[in-house]
Amino acid sequence: MSESEKMRIALSRHFVDSGEKERLMSILRARLVESGWNDNLYAFCRDTVRSRNLASITMDDLVKEAAEHGRGSVNENIKKELLTHIKKYLDAALE
């Protein structure tokens, strides 16, 4: 295992153990609700099932399509905010 891989694993473990991951997940959940992302994803799934007929779509297909849509529809400001939090955490952790 390379040194960079060991460092990545150690940082990942520290990220979880310190509670920072859970804190950022809470921020993400709140921002997604505030932005209407959850409602948008729900509507996407509902419309997909209706348009393709319930009998012709599998749960795996719906999950795959919803994941692609969901990732692509996250507001850029939310992504930037979380990235800023992660960078600050890494700067402090690597000092």
C-alpha atoms as a PDB file:
ATOM      1  CA  MET A   1       0.000   0.000   0.000  1.00  0.00           C
ATOM      2  CA  SER A   2       1.414   3.377  -1.014  1.00  0.00           C
ATOM      3  CA  GLU A   3       1.961   6.249   1.386  1.00  0.00           C
ATOM      4  CA  SER A   4      -0.711   8.333  -0.298  1.00  0.00           C
ATOM      5  CA  GLU A   5      -3.195   5.478   0.064  1.00  0.00           C
ATOM      6  CA  LYS A   6      -2.325   5.145   3.778  1.00  0.00           C
ATOM      7  CA  MET A   7      -2.788   8.902   4.212  1.00  0.00           C
ATOM      8  CA  ARG A   8      -6.148   8.813   2.431  1.00  0.00           C
ATOM      9  CA  ILE A   9      -7.366   5.965   4.638  1.00  0.00           C
ATOM     10  CA  ALA A  10      -6.162   7.688   7.816  1.00  0.00           C
ATOM     11  CA  LEU A  11      -7.855  10.971   6.829  1.00  0.00           C
ATOM     12  CA  SER A  12     -11.045   9.158   5.946  1.00  0.00           C
ATOM     13  CA  ARG A  13     -11.055   7.383   9.315  1.00  0.00           C
ATOM     14  CA  HIS A  14     -10.377  10.666  11.142  1.00  0.00           C
ATOM     15  CA  PHE A  15     -13.139  12.363   9.121  1.00  0.00           C
ATOM     16  CA  VAL A  16     -15.643   9.778  10.368  1.00  0.00           C
ATOM     17  CA  ASP A  17     -14.275   9.440  13.928  1.00  0.00           C
ATOM     18  CA  SER A  18     -14.219  13.194  14.514  1.00  0.00           C
ATOM     19  CA  GLY A  19     -17.900  13.488  13.651  1.00  0.00           C
ATOM     20  CA  GLU A  20     -17.139  15.855  10.766  1.00  0.00           C
ATOM     21  CA  LYS A  21     -18.708  13.524   8.202  1.00  0.00           C
ATOM     22  CA  GLU A  22     -21.982  13.398  10.123  1.00  0.00           C
ATOM     23  CA  ARG A  23     -21.923  17.189  10.598  1.00  0.00           C
ATOM     24  CA  LEU A  24     -21.470  17.731   6.859  1.00  0.00           C
ATOM     25  CA  MET A  25     -24.171  15.180   6.062  1.00  0.00           C
ATOM     26  CA  SER A  26     -26.551  17.162   8.292  1.00  0.00           C
ATOM     27  CA  ILE A  27     -25.675  20.371   6.470  1.00  0.00           C
ATOM     28  CA  LEU A  28     -26.183  18.638   3.124  1.00  0.00           C
ATOM     29  CA  ARG A  29     -29.573  17.234   4.132  1.00  0.00           C
ATOM     30  CA  ALA A  30     -30.736  20.659   5.335  1.00  0.00           C
ATOM     31  CA  ARG A  31     -29.551  22.441   2.176  1.00  0.00           C
ATOM     32  CA  LEU A  32     -31.184  19.862  -0.079  1.00  0.00           C
ATOM     33  CA  VAL A  33     -34.516  20.262   1.709  1.00  0.00           C
ATOM     34  CA  GLU A  34     -34.225  24.079   1.621  1.00  0.00           C
ATOM     35  CA  SER A  35     -33.539  24.024  -2.119  1.00  0.00           C
ATOM     36  CA  GLY A  36     -36.466  21.730  -2.926  1.00  0.00           C
ATOM     37  CA  TRP A  37     -34.155  18.999  -4.182  1.00  0.00           C
ATOM     38  CA  ASN A  38     -36.053  16.241  -2.329  1.00  0.00           C
ATOM     39  CA  ASP A  39     -39.367  17.302  -3.871  1.00  0.00           C
ATOM     40  CA  ASN A  40     -37.743  17.498  -7.294  1.00  0.00           C
ATOM     41  CA  LEU A  41     -36.329  13.973  -6.980  1.00  0.00           C
ATOM     42  CA  TYR A  42     -39.664  12.624  -5.752  1.00  0.00           C
ATOM     43  CA  ALA A  43     -41.425  14.215  -8.745  1.00  0.00           C
ATOM     44  CA  PHE A  44     -38.795  12.796 -11.105  1.00  0.00           C
ATOM     45  CA  CYS A  45     -39.358   9.266  -9.751  1.00  0.00           C
ATOM     46  CA  ARG A  46     -43.138   9.631  -9.887  1.00  0.00           C
ATOM     47  CA  ASP A  47     -43.044  10.916 -13.465  1.00  0.00           C
ATOM     48  CA  THR A  48     -40.602   8.212 -14.545  1.00  0.00           C
ATOM     49  CA  VAL A  49     -42.813   5.440 -13.173  1.00  0.00           C
ATOM     50  CA  ARG A  50     -45.918   6.967 -14.777  1.00  0.00           C
ATOM     51  CA  SER A  51     -44.310   7.497 -18.162  1.00  0.00           C
ATOM     52  CA  ARG A  52     -42.724   4.042 -18.372  1.00  0.00           C
ATOM     53  CA  ASN A  53     -45.603   2.142 -16.793  1.00  0.00           C
ATOM     54  CA  LEU A  54     -45.098   0.488 -13.438  1.00  0.00           C
ATOM     55  CA  ALA A  55     -44.932  -2.994 -14.955  1.00  0.00           C
ATOM     56  CA  SER A  56     -42.113  -2.107 -17.348  1.00  0.00           C
ATOM     57  CA  ILE A  57     -39.645  -0.566 -14.882  1.00  0.00           C
ATOM     58  CA  THR A  58     -37.620  -2.393 -12.273  1.00  0.00           C
ATOM     59  CA  MET A  59     -36.577  -0.927  -8.962  1.00  0.00           C
ATOM     60  CA  ASP A  60     -32.940  -1.184 -10.070  1.00  0.00           C
ATOM     61  CA  ASP A  61     -33.692   0.847 -13.189  1.00  0.00           C
ATOM     62  CA  LEU A  62     -35.534   3.491 -11.197  1.00  0.00           C
ATOM     63  CA  VAL A  63     -32.749   3.742  -8.625  1.00  0.00           C
ATOM     64  CA  LYS A  64     -30.128   4.085 -11.368  1.00  0.00           C
ATOM     65  CA  GLU A  65     -32.064   6.813 -13.180  1.00  0.00           C
ATOM     66  CA  ALA A  66     -32.941   8.620  -9.953  1.00  0.00           C
ATOM     67  CA  ALA A  67     -29.299   8.555  -8.796  1.00  0.00           C
ATOM     68  CA  GLU A  68     -28.125  10.064 -12.072  1.00  0.00           C
ATOM     69  CA  HIS A  69     -30.831  12.716 -11.974  1.00  0.00           C
ATOM     70  CA  GLY A  70     -30.252  13.408  -8.289  1.00  0.00           C
ATOM     71  CA  ARG A  71     -26.490  13.901  -8.627  1.00  0.00           C
ATOM     72  CA  GLY A  72     -26.958  16.179 -11.591  1.00  0.00           C
ATOM     73  CA  SER A  73     -29.612  18.322  -9.975  1.00  0.00           C
ATOM     74  CA  VAL A  74     -27.774  19.332  -6.788  1.00  0.00           C
ATOM     75  CA  ASN A  75     -27.411  23.105  -6.740  1.00  0.00           C
ATOM     76  CA  GLU A  76     -23.859  24.288  -7.481  1.00  0.00           C
ATOM     77  CA  ASN A  77     -23.902  26.585  -4.429  1.00  0.00           C
ATOM     78  CA  ILE A  78     -24.540  23.580  -2.183  1.00  0.00           C
ATOM     79  CA  LYS A  79     -21.629  21.702  -3.754  1.00  0.00           C
ATOM     80  CA  LYS A  80     -19.343  24.715  -3.325  1.00  0.00           C
ATOM     81  CA  GLU A  81     -20.377  25.194   0.308  1.00  0.00           C
ATOM     82  CA  LEU A  82     -19.644  21.559   1.178  1.00  0.00           C
ATOM     83  CA  LEU A  83     -16.359  21.638  -0.697  1.00  0.00           C
ATOM     84  CA  THR A  84     -15.349  24.715   1.298  1.00  0.00           C
ATOM     85  CA  HIS A  85     -16.175  22.915   4.564  1.00  0.00           C
ATOM     86  CA  ILE A  86     -14.166  19.863   3.471  1.00  0.00           C
ATOM     87  CA  LYS A  87     -11.157  21.994   2.489  1.00  0.00           C
ATOM     88  CA  LYS A  88     -11.211  23.769   5.858  1.00  0.00           C
ATOM     89  CA  TYR A  89     -11.390  20.426   7.642  1.00  0.00           C
ATOM     90  CA  LEU A  90      -8.466  19.034   5.628  1.00  0.00           C
ATOM     91  CA  ASP A  91      -6.376  22.169   6.222  1.00  0.00           C
ATOM     92  CA  ALA A  92      -6.912  21.844   9.976  1.00  0.00           C
ATOM     93  CA  ALA A  93      -6.346  18.074   9.984  1.00  0.00           C
ATOM     94  CA  LEU A  94      -3.069  18.320   8.061  1.00  0.00           C
ATOM     95  CA  GLU A  95      -1.526  21.015  10.265  1.00  0.00           C
END
